[in-house]
């Protein structure tokens, strides 16, 4: 059978075809026709020979006779399927039945052609097989490319996740930088990588590197500015991707200098709050590949995490340094305070004894007024008053020192505050009379006793009343009021005894009200008065030690009201013992 040449031969669809045909004449005709069409043809005169060739060679297409004496066309088709060969098979047969057609289709035959056939039919079937094969291969390449892209994306996501996780880890910064550099260089498939930071001199130095000799890492120092890639990136704050640095006019080597060993590079800035702190470089992609825009975007994202890690480490370092400085300052302050307290205690103790003896001597002289003239008695009274004031101040300083050391004990007992108020008013009666000031105790409602240290609370009342008389205008009135106050209801109900000392004196400025209860602090109006500025501080310590509160309300030129409260719970339980 002779197959003449046809018009429109598919010369572009070249490929290798295996023709298996029992009829020697037809085998030769088919082979010659297909070769004329531009295909490379191998021949086999039976099924066994065809299977043997398929075992050792690759073919793009198989044309096989169906009925052969040894191995049939179905045997050839089954072999192709078992070996999972990507080769399409066209069945040629002179005897067609519905069963054989169905079997051929179900077995995966690409086409089924009846003999006798025309050249055009063979031409179309072969061309269609090659077109299908081409589309299949194209689809496989597309799938492979997409799979490869997905794998790259997955790899980048995994690396980015590792870097992001490492950013907030407690690892030292140097260890982080080395891992960042290793992961990024490997991800970019680069031969070398480096992280450079700007040092105190304003130059870029390598802090971590991958694939660079140690001597290069140690000696590299790049000025921020044009001429060098890393210096340019640090100056401009923009990423730079160059795949042929030899021909980039910005970075041509100077005459006499070594030629670039780097051909392709990718350099991105490291920024903290918009300020460039360094650069991240990767050089020479493997297999002479070029860096892509996708690579640049990935490196920019990584650079953000690296910058964040550096900023975090710098903040931690600054915080640690500040803590160390603060701890050192606190220790110096503690030692200074300890020395001050020791010195104060020593001075106070050394003064207390002699001063007490002086006061005793003055009191002895005062006990015999007839032996003194009027002027001498007046001088003696002034000396005695000042001596007692000094002794009171010394006792206050000792009490403050004991409270700071936690050595001032409290002896609790059930006390009626009204009794303490009356007692203090009586003790200060002479002082008030000298200024023409009237002290008026005022008791509101039924008062409950409180469980307190009698001496300490008495000193609180005495100090507040003494101050009220001291800073009131002459012929004024000082009211000392005691009342029971209740807050809340039900189980949350609380009862307190409140003591208020109300004067009509100079008043205290809002600024001074904020600090009158602090140690060694005195209001503007009190600075001309004798004292150490400890009286109100002691009052505050005593009241708060009993679970109470103390405060002041004042208006300049009108007067002040000092108030404090003490809880009555413990006092109620001991009221029967009063």
Foldseek 3Di string as FASTA:
>chain_A
DAADADPPQPQVLEWEEEEEALDPVVQVRVCVRVVVSNYHYDYHNFDVRSLVCVVPDAGQEYEYEADDDPDGPLNVLVSCVVVVHPYAYEYEYQDDDPVVVVVCVVSRHPYYYHPPDHSVVVRVSVVVSSVVVVVVVVVVVVVVVVVVVVVLVVLLVVLLVVLLVVLPDPDALLVSQQSLQVSLLVSQQFQKKFWWFQDPVRWTATSYMHNDDPVCNVPDTHHQDFQDPFNPCLNVQAKDWAQAQCPDVRHHDDPPDDGDPFGTKIKHFQDDPRHTGTIIIGTHHPPSDGDDVVSNVSVNSSSPSSSSSVVVNVVVVVVVVVVVVVVVVVVVVVVVVVVVLVVLVVVLVVPLVVLVVVLVVLVVVQVCPVVDDPVVNVVSVVVNVVSVQVNVQSVLSVVVSCVVVVNDDADWDWDDVVVLLVVLCVVCVVVLVVLLEAEAEEEDDDDFTATTRSVLVSLLSNLVQVVQSVFAHRNWYKYWYWYWDWDDDDPPIFIKIKIKIWHFGFWADPVLQVDLLPFQRDTPVCPVPDHRSRSSVSSQSRQVVQVKHWGKDIDGNGTIMIMMIHTHVVRVVNRVVD
